Amino acid sequence: MKLFLILGAIHAMLAVMLGAFGAHALEAKLNAKNMLNVYQTGVQYHMYHALALLVVGVLLGKFPASTLLTGAGWSFFIGILLFSGSLYALSTTGMKFFGPITPLGGVAFIVGWILLIIAVVKA
């Protein structure tokens, strides 16, 4: 329970910090490359899934033995690393090999939501 609350809070904070960094420090650089939207998408999904981690943490307080909730939490965390991380890297470096990593993060997000749904239905 505490782990996903901590991970969620850390990633919500990071999403805010990265969003501010993008808006202030990277705007001219990324706009020039038409990559600001890519960066902002990474920040948005980062925040959404940081909040999902917090929800998982709260639910684990009520259902501490739920392996489905634990799996959802890890899926959201991995999704943040792969999806948002690859978009941050792609937008700031322009290195195209980060692009194919993004869908893997999307799949992790989807798996996390499916596990969360199943956990709630079973609760």
PDB file of N, CA and C in Angstrom:
ATOM      1  N   MET A   1       0.823  -1.180   0.000  1.00  0.00           N
ATOM      2  CA  MET A   1       0.000   0.000   0.000  1.00  0.00           C
ATOM      3  C   MET A   1       0.873   1.253   0.000  1.00  0.00           C
ATOM      4  N   LYS A   2       1.767   1.370   0.970  1.00  0.00           N
ATOM      5  CA  LYS A   2       2.608   2.567   1.070  1.00  0.00           C
ATOM      6  C   LYS A   2       3.471   2.755  -0.172  1.00  0.00           C
ATOM      7  N   LEU A   3       3.957   1.646  -0.721  1.00  0.00           N
ATOM      8  CA  LEU A   3       4.846   1.730  -1.878  1.00  0.00           C
ATOM      9  C   LEU A   3       4.167   2.461  -3.041  1.00  0.00           C
ATOM     10  N   PHE A   4       2.934   2.094  -3.359  1.00  0.00           N
ATOM     11  CA  PHE A   4       2.266   2.717  -4.499  1.00  0.00           C
ATOM     12  C   PHE A   4       1.823   4.136  -4.176  1.00  0.00           C
ATOM     13  N   LEU A   5       1.525   4.412  -2.917  1.00  0.00           N
ATOM     14  CA  LEU A   5       1.248   5.799  -2.533  1.00  0.00           C
ATOM     15  C   LEU A   5       2.499   6.659  -2.714  1.00  0.00           C
ATOM     16  N   ILE A   6       3.631   6.122  -2.300  1.00  0.00           N
ATOM     17  CA  ILE A   6       4.896   6.852  -2.449  1.00  0.00           C
ATOM     18  C   ILE A   6       5.255   7.007  -3.927  1.00  0.00           C
ATOM     19  N   LEU A   7       5.157   5.911  -4.693  1.00  0.00           N
ATOM     20  CA  LEU A   7       5.451   5.998  -6.122  1.00  0.00           C
ATOM     21  C   LEU A   7       4.521   6.969  -6.826  1.00  0.00           C
ATOM     22  N   GLY A   8       3.234   6.934  -6.467  1.00  0.00           N
ATOM     23  CA  GLY A   8       2.274   7.854  -7.073  1.00  0.00           C
ATOM     24  C   GLY A   8       2.596   9.301  -6.761  1.00  0.00           C
ATOM     25  N   ALA A   9       2.913   9.576  -5.513  1.00  0.00           N
ATOM     26  CA  ALA A   9       3.240  10.948  -5.119  1.00  0.00           C
ATOM     27  C   ALA A   9       4.524  11.423  -5.793  1.00  0.00           C
ATOM     28  N   ILE A  10       5.515  10.561  -5.847  1.00  0.00           N
ATOM     29  CA  ILE A  10       6.774  10.923  -6.507  1.00  0.00           C
ATOM     30  C   ILE A  10       6.528  11.230  -7.981  1.00  0.00           C
ATOM     31  N   HIS A  11       5.755  10.385  -8.633  1.00  0.00           N
ATOM     32  CA  HIS A  11       5.535  10.591 -10.062  1.00  0.00           C
ATOM     33  C   HIS A  11       4.598  11.750 -10.355  1.00  0.00           C
ATOM     34  N   ALA A  12       3.660  12.027  -9.483  1.00  0.00           N
ATOM     35  CA  ALA A  12       2.840  13.235  -9.657  1.00  0.00           C
ATOM     36  C   ALA A  12       3.732  14.473  -9.550  1.00  0.00           C
ATOM     37  N   MET A  13       4.624  14.470  -8.570  1.00  0.00           N
ATOM     38  CA  MET A  13       5.568  15.577  -8.411  1.00  0.00           C
ATOM     39  C   MET A  13       6.472  15.700  -9.640  1.00  0.00           C
ATOM     40  N   LEU A  14       6.989  14.572 -10.108  1.00  0.00           N
ATOM     41  CA  LEU A  14       7.848  14.593 -11.286  1.00  0.00           C
ATOM     42  C   LEU A  14       7.097  15.104 -12.518  1.00  0.00           C
ATOM     43  N   ALA A  15       5.832  14.719 -12.671  1.00  0.00           N
ATOM     44  CA  ALA A  15       5.051  15.185 -13.815  1.00  0.00           C
ATOM     45  C   ALA A  15       4.895  16.697 -13.777  1.00  0.00           C
ATOM     46  N   VAL A  16       4.649  17.246 -12.601  1.00  0.00           N
ATOM     47  CA  VAL A  16       4.540  18.704 -12.469  1.00  0.00           C
ATOM     48  C   VAL A  16       5.888  19.356 -12.789  1.00  0.00           C
ATOM     49  N   MET A  17       6.949  18.813 -12.230  1.00  0.00           N
ATOM     50  CA  MET A  17       8.278  19.385 -12.465  1.00  0.00           C
ATOM     51  C   MET A  17       8.678  19.298 -13.939  1.00  0.00           C
ATOM     52  N   LEU A  18       8.433  18.149 -14.556  1.00  0.00           N
ATOM     53  CA  LEU A  18       8.784  17.980 -15.964  1.00  0.00           C
ATOM     54  C   LEU A  18       7.910  18.860 -16.856  1.00  0.00           C
ATOM     55  N   GLY A  19       6.647  19.015 -16.487  1.00  0.00           N
ATOM     56  CA  GLY A  19       5.768  19.913 -17.238  1.00  0.00           C
ATOM     57  C   GLY A  19       6.247  21.352 -17.172  1.00  0.00           C
ATOM     58  N   ALA A  20       6.625  21.785 -15.986  1.00  0.00           N
ATOM     59  CA  ALA A  20       7.139  23.153 -15.823  1.00  0.00           C
ATOM     60  C   ALA A  20       8.461  23.323 -16.567  1.00  0.00           C
ATOM     61  N   PHE A  21       9.324  22.308 -16.475  1.00  0.00           N
ATOM     62  CA  PHE A  21      10.601  22.357 -17.185  1.00  0.00           C
ATOM     63  C   PHE A  21      10.368  22.482 -18.691  1.00  0.00           C
ATOM     64  N   GLY A  22       9.428  21.698 -19.209  1.00  0.00           N
ATOM     65  CA  GLY A  22       9.121  21.758 -20.630  1.00  0.00           C
ATOM     66  C   GLY A  22       8.557  23.105 -21.038  1.00  0.00           C
ATOM     67  N   ALA A  23       7.672  23.638 -20.218  1.00  0.00           N
ATOM     68  CA  ALA A  23       7.031  24.911 -20.550  1.00  0.00           C
ATOM     69  C   ALA A  23       8.012  26.073 -20.507  1.00  0.00           C
ATOM     70  N   HIS A  24       8.990  26.010 -19.616  1.00  0.00           N
ATOM     71  CA  HIS A  24       9.887  27.155 -19.428  1.00  0.00           C
ATOM     72  C   HIS A  24      11.263  26.973 -20.076  1.00  0.00           C
ATOM     73  N   ALA A  25      11.844  25.816 -19.908  1.00  0.00           N
ATOM     74  CA  ALA A  25      13.217  25.629 -20.374  1.00  0.00           C
ATOM     75  C   ALA A  25      13.310  25.026 -21.773  1.00  0.00           C
ATOM     76  N   LEU A  26      12.302  24.265 -22.163  1.00  0.00           N
ATOM     77  CA  LEU A  26      12.411  23.552 -23.434  1.00  0.00           C
ATOM     78  C   LEU A  26      11.529  24.112 -24.542  1.00  0.00           C
ATOM     79  N   GLU A  27      10.669  25.060 -24.224  1.00  0.00           N
ATOM     80  CA  GLU A  27       9.672  25.515 -25.195  1.00  0.00           C
ATOM     81  C   GLU A  27      10.289  25.935 -26.527  1.00  0.00           C
ATOM     82  N   ALA A  28      11.279  26.790 -26.511  1.00  0.00           N
ATOM     83  CA  ALA A  28      11.878  27.263 -27.765  1.00  0.00           C
ATOM     84  C   ALA A  28      12.561  26.121 -28.515  1.00  0.00           C
ATOM     85  N   LYS A  29      13.268  25.278 -27.789  1.00  0.00           N
ATOM     86  CA  LYS A  29      13.984  24.169 -28.420  1.00  0.00           C
ATOM     87  C   LYS A  29      13.020  23.147 -29.013  1.00  0.00           C
ATOM     88  N   LEU A  30      11.992  22.771 -28.255  1.00  0.00           N
ATOM     89  CA  LEU A  30      11.087  21.728 -28.718  1.00  0.00           C
ATOM     90  C   LEU A  30      10.101  22.245 -29.753  1.00  0.00           C
ATOM     91  N   ASN A  31       9.689  23.487 -29.647  1.00  0.00           N
ATOM     92  CA  ASN A  31       8.812  24.054 -30.671  1.00  0.00           C
ATOM     93  C   ASN A  31       9.521  24.059 -32.014  1.00  0.00           C
ATOM     94  N   ALA A  32      10.795  24.349 -32.006  1.00  0.00           N
ATOM     95  CA  ALA A  32      11.565  24.388 -33.238  1.00  0.00           C
ATOM     96  C   ALA A  32      11.575  23.019 -33.918  1.00  0.00           C
ATOM     97  N   LYS A  33      11.523  21.983 -33.147  1.00  0.00           N
ATOM     98  CA  LYS A  33      11.535  20.629 -33.693  1.00  0.00           C
ATOM     99  C   LYS A  33      10.135  20.023 -33.756  1.00  0.00           C
ATOM    100  N   ASN A  34       9.120  20.799 -33.426  1.00  0.00           N
ATOM    101  CA  ASN A  34       7.747  20.310 -33.386  1.00  0.00           C
ATOM    102  C   ASN A  34       7.612  19.130 -32.410  1.00  0.00           C
ATOM    103  N   MET A  35       8.346  19.160 -31.332  1.00  0.00           N
ATOM    104  CA  MET A  35       8.338  18.074 -30.363  1.00  0.00           C
ATOM    105  C   MET A  35       7.711  18.457 -29.030  1.00  0.00           C
ATOM    106  N   LEU A  36       7.276  19.693 -28.888  1.00  0.00           N
ATOM    107  CA  LEU A  36       6.685  20.102 -27.615  1.00  0.00           C
ATOM    108  C   LEU A  36       5.421  19.303 -27.321  1.00  0.00           C
ATOM    109  N   ASN A  37       4.610  19.034 -28.337  1.00  0.00           N
ATOM    110  CA  ASN A  37       3.393  18.240 -28.127  1.00  0.00           C
ATOM    111  C   ASN A  37       3.721  16.823 -27.679  1.00  0.00           C
ATOM    112  N   VAL A  38       4.776  16.253 -28.230  1.00  0.00           N
ATOM    113  CA  VAL A  38       5.208  14.910 -27.827  1.00  0.00           C
ATOM    114  C   VAL A  38       5.616  14.927 -26.355  1.00  0.00           C
ATOM    115  N   TYR A  39       6.388  15.918 -25.966  1.00  0.00           N
ATOM    116  CA  TYR A  39       6.825  16.060 -24.576  1.00  0.00           C
ATOM    117  C   TYR A  39       5.616  16.223 -23.654  1.00  0.00           C
ATOM    118  N   GLN A  40       4.671  17.094 -24.050  1.00  0.00           N
ATOM    119  CA  GLN A  40       3.494  17.348 -23.218  1.00  0.00           C
ATOM    120  C   GLN A  40       2.618  16.110 -23.073  1.00  0.00           C
ATOM    121  N   THR A  41       2.555  15.296 -24.113  1.00  0.00           N
ATOM    122  CA  THR A  41       1.815  14.034 -24.007  1.00  0.00           C
ATOM    123  C   THR A  41       2.459  13.136 -22.956  1.00  0.00           C
ATOM    124  N   GLY A  42       3.778  13.089 -22.930  1.00  0.00           N
ATOM    125  CA  GLY A  42       4.471  12.316 -21.900  1.00  0.00           C
ATOM    126  C   GLY A  42       4.129  12.805 -20.508  1.00  0.00           C
ATOM    127  N   VAL A  43       4.094  14.129 -20.334  1.00  0.00           N
ATOM    128  CA  VAL A  43       3.763  14.706 -19.026  1.00  0.00           C
ATOM    129  C   VAL A  43       2.320  14.373 -18.638  1.00  0.00           C
ATOM    130  N   GLN A  44       1.395  14.499 -19.577  1.00  0.00           N
ATOM    131  CA  GLN A  44      -0.012  14.213 -19.268  1.00  0.00           C
ATOM    132  C   GLN A  44      -0.202  12.775 -18.804  1.00  0.00           C
ATOM    133  N   TYR A  45       0.330  11.836 -19.574  1.00  0.00           N
ATOM    134  CA  TYR A  45       0.160  10.436 -19.195  1.00  0.00           C
ATOM    135  C   TYR A  45       0.934  10.096 -17.927  1.00  0.00           C
ATOM    136  N   HIS A  46       2.022  10.764 -17.701  1.00  0.00           N
ATOM    137  CA  HIS A  46       2.782  10.602 -16.464  1.00  0.00           C
ATOM    138  C   HIS A  46       1.891  10.963 -15.281  1.00  0.00           C
ATOM    139  N   MET A  47       1.243  12.130 -15.354  1.00  0.00           N
ATOM    140  CA  MET A  47       0.389  12.567 -14.255  1.00  0.00           C
ATOM    141  C   MET A  47      -0.823  11.656 -14.080  1.00  0.00           C
ATOM    142  N   TYR A  48      -1.481  11.307 -15.177  1.00  0.00           N
ATOM    143  CA  TYR A  48      -2.658  10.424 -15.060  1.00  0.00           C
ATOM    144  C   TYR A  48      -2.301   9.142 -14.318  1.00  0.00           C
ATOM    145  N   HIS A  49      -1.153   8.587 -14.662  1.00  0.00           N
ATOM    146  CA  HIS A  49      -0.819   7.295 -14.078  1.00  0.00           C
ATOM    147  C   HIS A  49      -0.128   7.412 -12.724  1.00  0.00           C
ATOM    148  N   ALA A  50       0.412   8.589 -12.416  1.00  0.00           N
ATOM    149  CA  ALA A  50       0.843   8.845 -11.035  1.00  0.00           C
ATOM    150  C   ALA A  50      -0.389   8.840 -10.131  1.00  0.00           C
ATOM    151  N   LEU A  51      -1.466   9.456 -10.606  1.00  0.00           N
ATOM    152  CA  LEU A  51      -2.719   9.443  -9.841  1.00  0.00           C
ATOM    153  C   LEU A  51      -3.279   8.023  -9.732  1.00  0.00           C
ATOM    154  N   ALA A  52      -3.134   7.241 -10.794  1.00  0.00           N
ATOM    155  CA  ALA A  52      -3.571   5.845 -10.742  1.00  0.00           C
ATOM    156  C   ALA A  52      -2.775   5.074  -9.692  1.00  0.00           C
ATOM    157  N   LEU A  53      -1.477   5.336  -9.588  1.00  0.00           N
ATOM    158  CA  LEU A  53      -0.669   4.699  -8.540  1.00  0.00           C
ATOM    159  C   LEU A  53      -1.188   5.059  -7.147  1.00  0.00           C
ATOM    160  N   LEU A  54      -1.603   6.313  -6.980  1.00  0.00           N
ATOM    161  CA  LEU A  54      -2.153   6.717  -5.682  1.00  0.00           C
ATOM    162  C   LEU A  54      -3.460   5.977  -5.390  1.00  0.00           C
ATOM    163  N   VAL A  55      -4.291   5.820  -6.394  1.00  0.00           N
ATOM    164  CA  VAL A  55      -5.540   5.072  -6.221  1.00  0.00           C
ATOM    165  C   VAL A  55      -5.240   3.632  -5.829  1.00  0.00           C
ATOM    166  N   VAL A  56      -4.280   3.020  -6.506  1.00  0.00           N
ATOM    167  CA  VAL A  56      -3.889   1.648  -6.168  1.00  0.00           C
ATOM    168  C   VAL A  56      -3.399   1.578  -4.727  1.00  0.00           C
ATOM    169  N   GLY A  57      -2.591   2.543  -4.327  1.00  0.00           N
ATOM    170  CA  GLY A  57      -2.101   2.559  -2.947  1.00  0.00           C
ATOM    171  C   GLY A  57      -3.219   2.641  -1.932  1.00  0.00           C
ATOM    172  N   VAL A  58      -4.205   3.474  -2.211  1.00  0.00           N
ATOM    173  CA  VAL A  58      -5.349   3.609  -1.304  1.00  0.00           C
ATOM    174  C   VAL A  58      -6.158   2.312  -1.279  1.00  0.00           C
ATOM    175  N   LEU A  59      -6.399   1.742  -2.449  1.00  0.00           N
ATOM    176  CA  LEU A  59      -7.164   0.490  -2.503  1.00  0.00           C
ATOM    177  C   LEU A  59      -6.436  -0.656  -1.812  1.00  0.00           C
ATOM    178  N   LEU A  60      -5.109  -0.679  -1.914  1.00  0.00           N
ATOM    179  CA  LEU A  60      -4.354  -1.721  -1.212  1.00  0.00           C
ATOM    180  C   LEU A  60      -4.476  -1.581   0.301  1.00  0.00           C
ATOM    181  N   GLY A  61      -4.772  -0.383   0.785  1.00  0.00           N
ATOM    182  CA  GLY A  61      -5.034  -0.209   2.212  1.00  0.00           C
ATOM    183  C   GLY A  61      -6.291  -0.954   2.642  1.00  0.00           C
ATOM    184  N   LYS A  62      -7.239  -1.040   1.746  1.00  0.00           N
ATOM    185  CA  LYS A  62      -8.498  -1.738   2.032  1.00  0.00           C
ATOM    186  C   LYS A  62      -8.412  -3.225   1.688  1.00  0.00           C
ATOM    187  N   PHE A  63      -7.627  -3.550   0.646  1.00  0.00           N
ATOM    188  CA  PHE A  63      -7.489  -4.933   0.180  1.00  0.00           C
ATOM    189  C   PHE A  63      -5.998  -5.282   0.076  1.00  0.00           C
ATOM    190  N   PRO A  64      -5.316  -5.415   1.209  1.00  0.00           N
ATOM    191  CA  PRO A  64      -3.848  -5.560   1.193  1.00  0.00           C
ATOM    192  C   PRO A  64      -3.342  -6.837   0.536  1.00  0.00           C
ATOM    193  N   ALA A  65      -4.147  -7.862   0.439  1.00  0.00           N
ATOM    194  CA  ALA A  65      -3.682  -9.126  -0.122  1.00  0.00           C
ATOM    195  C   ALA A  65      -3.946  -9.227  -1.627  1.00  0.00           C
ATOM    196  N   SER A  66      -4.428  -8.181  -2.245  1.00  0.00           N
ATOM    197  CA  SER A  66      -4.808  -8.246  -3.654  1.00  0.00           C
ATOM    198  C   SER A  66      -3.590  -8.232  -4.578  1.00  0.00           C
ATOM    199  N   THR A  67      -3.318  -9.373  -5.173  1.00  0.00           N
ATOM    200  CA  THR A  67      -2.240  -9.444  -6.153  1.00  0.00           C
ATOM    201  C   THR A  67      -2.622  -8.715  -7.442  1.00  0.00           C
ATOM    202  N   LEU A  68      -3.925  -8.631  -7.718  1.00  0.00           N
ATOM    203  CA  LEU A  68      -4.373  -7.907  -8.906  1.00  0.00           C
ATOM    204  C   LEU A  68      -4.066  -6.419  -8.768  1.00  0.00           C
ATOM    205  N   LEU A  69      -4.331  -5.868  -7.594  1.00  0.00           N
ATOM    206  CA  LEU A  69      -4.022  -4.455  -7.372  1.00  0.00           C
ATOM    207  C   LEU A  69      -2.518  -4.206  -7.419  1.00  0.00           C
ATOM    208  N   THR A  70      -1.761  -5.109  -6.826  1.00  0.00           N
ATOM    209  CA  THR A  70      -0.301  -4.979  -6.873  1.00  0.00           C
ATOM    210  C   THR A  70       0.190  -5.029  -8.315  1.00  0.00           C
ATOM    211  N   GLY A  71      -0.358  -5.953  -9.091  1.00  0.00           N
ATOM    212  CA  GLY A  71       0.000  -6.041 -10.504  1.00  0.00           C
ATOM    213  C   GLY A  71      -0.374  -4.773 -11.268  1.00  0.00           C
ATOM    214  N   ALA A  72      -1.539  -4.202 -10.942  1.00  0.00           N
ATOM    215  CA  ALA A  72      -1.957  -2.947 -11.578  1.00  0.00           C
ATOM    216  C   ALA A  72      -0.969  -1.837 -11.253  1.00  0.00           C
ATOM    217  N   GLY A  73      -0.553  -1.763 -10.000  1.00  0.00           N
ATOM    218  CA  GLY A  73       0.401  -0.734  -9.590  1.00  0.00           C
ATOM    219  C   GLY A  73       1.718  -0.845 -10.332  1.00  0.00           C
ATOM    220  N   TRP A  74       2.227  -2.062 -10.430  1.00  0.00           N
ATOM    221  CA  TRP A  74       3.498  -2.249 -11.151  1.00  0.00           C
ATOM    222  C   TRP A  74       3.329  -1.974 -12.643  1.00  0.00           C
ATOM    223  N   SER A  75       2.177  -2.321 -13.203  1.00  0.00           N
ATOM    224  CA  SER A  75       1.929  -2.034 -14.620  1.00  0.00           C
ATOM    225  C   SER A  75       1.898  -0.535 -14.879  1.00  0.00           C
ATOM    226  N   PHE A  76       1.246   0.224 -13.982  1.00  0.00           N
ATOM    227  CA  PHE A  76       1.219   1.678 -14.137  1.00  0.00           C
ATOM    228  C   PHE A  76       2.634   2.256 -14.033  1.00  0.00           C
ATOM    229  N   PHE A  77       3.397   1.763 -13.077  1.00  0.00           N
ATOM    230  CA  PHE A  77       4.763   2.251 -12.880  1.00  0.00           C
ATOM    231  C   PHE A  77       5.636   1.962 -14.107  1.00  0.00           C
ATOM    232  N   ILE A  78       5.565   0.744 -14.600  1.00  0.00           N
ATOM    233  CA  ILE A  78       6.343   0.373 -15.795  1.00  0.00           C
ATOM    234  C   ILE A  78       5.864   1.183 -17.001  1.00  0.00           C
ATOM    235  N   GLY A  79       4.556   1.388 -17.090  1.00  0.00           N
ATOM    236  CA  GLY A  79       4.012   2.196 -18.178  1.00  0.00           C
ATOM    237  C   GLY A  79       4.546   3.615 -18.162  1.00  0.00           C
ATOM    238  N   ILE A  80       4.637   4.200 -16.978  1.00  0.00           N
ATOM    239  CA  ILE A  80       5.199   5.554 -16.860  1.00  0.00           C
ATOM    240  C   ILE A  80       6.638   5.564 -17.374  1.00  0.00           C
ATOM    241  N   LEU A  81       7.426   4.595 -16.930  1.00  0.00           N
ATOM    242  CA  LEU A  81       8.827   4.547 -17.346  1.00  0.00           C
ATOM    243  C   LEU A  81       8.961   4.397 -18.862  1.00  0.00           C
ATOM    244  N   LEU A  82       8.198   3.475 -19.437  1.00  0.00           N
ATOM    245  CA  LEU A  82       8.331   3.191 -20.861  1.00  0.00           C
ATOM    246  C   LEU A  82       7.639   4.238 -21.735  1.00  0.00           C
ATOM    247  N   PHE A  83       6.386   4.566 -21.422  1.00  0.00           N
ATOM    248  CA  PHE A  83       5.620   5.481 -22.263  1.00  0.00           C
ATOM    249  C   PHE A  83       6.127   6.911 -22.117  1.00  0.00           C
ATOM    250  N   SER A  84       5.996   7.444 -20.925  1.00  0.00           N
ATOM    251  CA  SER A  84       6.405   8.835 -20.721  1.00  0.00           C
ATOM    252  C   SER A  84       7.910   8.986 -20.887  1.00  0.00           C
ATOM    253  N   GLY A  85       8.661   8.043 -20.353  1.00  0.00           N
ATOM    254  CA  GLY A  85      10.116   8.121 -20.475  1.00  0.00           C
ATOM    255  C   GLY A  85      10.578   8.147 -21.916  1.00  0.00           C
ATOM    256  N   SER A  86       9.976   7.310 -22.749  1.00  0.00           N
ATOM    257  CA  SER A  86      10.381   7.292 -24.156  1.00  0.00           C
ATOM    258  C   SER A  86       9.974   8.575 -24.869  1.00  0.00           C
ATOM    259  N   LEU A  87       8.816   9.147 -24.510  1.00  0.00           N
ATOM    260  CA  LEU A  87       8.410  10.416 -25.124  1.00  0.00           C
ATOM    261  C   LEU A  87       9.308  11.561 -24.688  1.00  0.00           C
ATOM    262  N   TYR A  88       9.714  11.561 -23.424  1.00  0.00           N
ATOM    263  CA  TYR A  88      10.664  12.584 -22.963  1.00  0.00           C
ATOM    264  C   TYR A  88      11.972  12.466 -23.748  1.00  0.00           C
ATOM    265  N   ALA A  89      12.463  11.241 -23.865  1.00  0.00           N
ATOM    266  CA  ALA A  89      13.735  11.023 -24.559  1.00  0.00           C
ATOM    267  C   ALA A  89      13.618  11.367 -26.046  1.00  0.00           C
ATOM    268  N   LEU A  90      12.545  10.927 -26.682  1.00  0.00           N
ATOM    269  CA  LEU A  90      12.346  11.206 -28.109  1.00  0.00           C
ATOM    270  C   LEU A  90      12.267  12.704 -28.378  1.00  0.00           C
ATOM    271  N   SER A  91      11.481  13.401 -27.553  1.00  0.00           N
ATOM    272  CA  SER A  91      11.261  14.825 -27.810  1.00  0.00           C
ATOM    273  C   SER A  91      12.493  15.675 -27.524  1.00  0.00           C
ATOM    274  N   THR A  92      13.302  15.268 -26.576  1.00  0.00           N
ATOM    275  CA  THR A  92      14.462  16.101 -26.225  1.00  0.00           C
ATOM    276  C   THR A  92      15.729  15.742 -27.001  1.00  0.00           C
ATOM    277  N   THR A  93      15.795  14.508 -27.513  1.00  0.00           N
ATOM    278  CA  THR A  93      16.999  14.106 -28.250  1.00  0.00           C
ATOM    279  C   THR A  93      16.758  13.987 -29.745  1.00  0.00           C
ATOM    280  N   GLY A  94      15.512  13.755 -30.134  1.00  0.00           N
ATOM    281  CA  GLY A  94      15.205  13.530 -31.541  1.00  0.00           C
ATOM    282  C   GLY A  94      15.604  12.153 -32.027  1.00  0.00           C
ATOM    283  N   MET A  95      16.080  11.308 -31.126  1.00  0.00           N
ATOM    284  CA  MET A  95      16.503   9.959 -31.510  1.00  0.00           C
ATOM    285  C   MET A  95      15.271   9.072 -31.710  1.00  0.00           C
ATOM    286  N   LYS A  96      15.054   8.671 -32.940  1.00  0.00           N
ATOM    287  CA  LYS A  96      13.835   7.948 -33.327  1.00  0.00           C
ATOM    288  C   LYS A  96      13.732   6.550 -32.722  1.00  0.00           C
ATOM    289  N   PHE A  97      14.835   5.977 -32.271  1.00  0.00           N
ATOM    290  CA  PHE A  97      14.733   4.624 -31.736  1.00  0.00           C
ATOM    291  C   PHE A  97      13.939   4.572 -30.430  1.00  0.00           C
ATOM    292  N   PHE A  98      13.662   5.719 -29.805  1.00  0.00           N
ATOM    293  CA  PHE A  98      12.810   5.726 -28.607  1.00  0.00           C
ATOM    294  C   PHE A  98      11.342   5.517 -28.970  1.00  0.00           C
ATOM    295  N   GLY A  99      10.968   5.836 -30.204  1.00  0.00           N
ATOM    296  CA  GLY A  99       9.575   5.731 -30.637  1.00  0.00           C
ATOM    297  C   GLY A  99       8.945   4.369 -30.439  1.00  0.00           C
ATOM    298  N   PRO A 100       9.608   3.270 -30.831  1.00  0.00           N
ATOM    299  CA  PRO A 100       8.997   1.953 -30.666  1.00  0.00           C
ATOM    300  C   PRO A 100       8.809   1.514 -29.209  1.00  0.00           C
ATOM    301  N   ILE A 101       9.445   2.187 -28.276  1.00  0.00           N
ATOM    302  CA  ILE A 101       9.288   1.844 -26.855  1.00  0.00           C
ATOM    303  C   ILE A 101       7.950   2.348 -26.332  1.00  0.00           C
ATOM    304  N   THR A 102       7.472   3.456 -26.867  1.00  0.00           N
ATOM    305  CA  THR A 102       6.257   4.100 -26.374  1.00  0.00           C
ATOM    306  C   THR A 102       5.054   3.153 -26.346  1.00  0.00           C
ATOM    307  N   PRO A 103       4.768   2.404 -27.420  1.00  0.00           N
ATOM    308  CA  PRO A 103       3.604   1.509 -27.369  1.00  0.00           C
ATOM    309  C   PRO A 103       3.699   0.428 -26.292  1.00  0.00           C
ATOM    310  N   LEU A 104       4.920   0.017 -25.951  1.00  0.00           N
ATOM    311  CA  LEU A 104       5.067  -0.964 -24.865  1.00  0.00           C
ATOM    312  C   LEU A 104       4.564  -0.378 -23.552  1.00  0.00           C
ATOM    313  N   GLY A 105       4.858   0.898 -23.335  1.00  0.00           N
ATOM    314  CA  GLY A 105       4.326   1.579 -22.157  1.00  0.00           C
ATOM    315  C   GLY A 105       2.819   1.693 -22.205  1.00  0.00           C
ATOM    316  N   GLY A 106       2.286   1.944 -23.398  1.00  0.00           N
ATOM    317  CA  GLY A 106       0.831   1.999 -23.554  1.00  0.00           C
ATOM    318  C   GLY A 106       0.174   0.673 -23.210  1.00  0.00           C
ATOM    319  N   VAL A 107       0.803  -0.410 -23.631  1.00  0.00           N
ATOM    320  CA  VAL A 107       0.289  -1.747 -23.291  1.00  0.00           C
ATOM    321  C   VAL A 107       0.335  -1.949 -21.777  1.00  0.00           C
ATOM    322  N   ALA A 108       1.405  -1.521 -21.138  1.00  0.00           N
ATOM    323  CA  ALA A 108       1.498  -1.646 -19.674  1.00  0.00           C
ATOM    324  C   ALA A 108       0.382  -0.850 -19.000  1.00  0.00           C
ATOM    325  N   PHE A 109       0.080   0.354 -19.502  1.00  0.00           N
ATOM    326  CA  PHE A 109      -1.030   1.128 -18.944  1.00  0.00           C
ATOM    327  C   PHE A 109      -2.351   0.362 -19.090  1.00  0.00           C
ATOM    328  N   ILE A 110      -2.589  -0.198 -20.272  1.00  0.00           N
ATOM    329  CA  ILE A 110      -3.828  -0.937 -20.518  1.00  0.00           C
ATOM    330  C   ILE A 110      -3.932  -2.139 -19.588  1.00  0.00           C
ATOM    331  N   VAL A 111      -2.837  -2.876 -19.446  1.00  0.00           N
ATOM    332  CA  VAL A 111      -2.818  -4.029 -18.532  1.00  0.00           C
ATOM    333  C   VAL A 111      -3.132  -3.571 -17.113  1.00  0.00           C
ATOM    334  N   GLY A 112      -2.540  -2.453 -16.696  1.00  0.00           N
ATOM    335  CA  GLY A 112      -2.816  -1.932 -15.360  1.00  0.00           C
ATOM    336  C   GLY A 112      -4.287  -1.632 -15.144  1.00  0.00           C
ATOM    337  N   TRP A 113      -4.908  -0.995 -16.132  1.00  0.00           N
ATOM    338  CA  TRP A 113      -6.344  -0.679 -16.001  1.00  0.00           C
ATOM    339  C   TRP A 113      -7.190  -1.942 -15.992  1.00  0.00           C
ATOM    340  N   ILE A 114      -6.834  -2.928 -16.806  1.00  0.00           N
ATOM    341  CA  ILE A 114      -7.573  -4.195 -16.804  1.00  0.00           C
ATOM    342  C   ILE A 114      -7.457  -4.876 -15.442  1.00  0.00           C
ATOM    343  N   LEU A 115      -6.253  -4.929 -14.911  1.00  0.00           N
ATOM    344  CA  LEU A 115      -6.065  -5.542 -13.587  1.00  0.00           C
ATOM    345  C   LEU A 115      -6.833  -4.785 -12.506  1.00  0.00           C
ATOM    346  N   LEU A 116      -6.849  -3.463 -12.595  1.00  0.00           N
ATOM    347  CA  LEU A 116      -7.598  -2.667 -11.622  1.00  0.00           C
ATOM    348  C   LEU A 116      -9.088  -2.963 -11.717  1.00  0.00           C
ATOM    349  N   ILE A 117      -9.602  -3.063 -12.927  1.00  0.00           N
ATOM    350  CA  ILE A 117     -11.031  -3.391 -13.117  1.00  0.00           C
ATOM    351  C   ILE A 117     -11.352  -4.753 -12.531  1.00  0.00           C
ATOM    352  N   ILE A 118     -10.546  -5.750 -12.843  1.00  0.00           N
ATOM    353  CA  ILE A 118     -10.786  -7.099 -12.330  1.00  0.00           C
ATOM    354  C   ILE A 118     -10.708  -7.105 -10.805  1.00  0.00           C
ATOM    355  N   ALA A 119      -9.741  -6.402 -10.240  1.00  0.00           N
ATOM    356  CA  ALA A 119      -9.602  -6.336  -8.782  1.00  0.00           C
ATOM    357  C   ALA A 119     -10.837  -5.733  -8.128  1.00  0.00           C
ATOM    358  N   VAL A 120     -11.355  -4.682  -8.724  1.00  0.00           N
ATOM    359  CA  VAL A 120     -12.536  -4.018  -8.159  1.00  0.00           C
ATOM    360  C   VAL A 120     -13.762  -4.929  -8.299  1.00  0.00           C
ATOM    361  N   VAL A 121     -13.907  -5.592  -9.430  1.00  0.00           N
ATOM    362  CA  VAL A 121     -15.035  -6.508  -9.625  1.00  0.00           C
ATOM    363  C   VAL A 121     -14.987  -7.644  -8.615  1.00  0.00           C
ATOM    364  N   LYS A 122     -13.791  -8.152  -8.342  1.00  0.00           N
ATOM    365  CA  LYS A 122     -13.633  -9.280  -7.394  1.00  0.00           C
ATOM    366  C   LYS A 122     -13.749  -8.850  -5.932  1.00  0.00           C
ATOM    367  N   ALA A 123     -13.592  -7.573  -5.643  1.00  0.00           N
ATOM    368  CA  ALA A 123     -13.577  -7.119  -4.251  1.00  0.00           C
ATOM    369  C   ALA A 123     -14.960  -7.224  -3.607  1.00  0.00           C
TER     370      ALA A 123
END
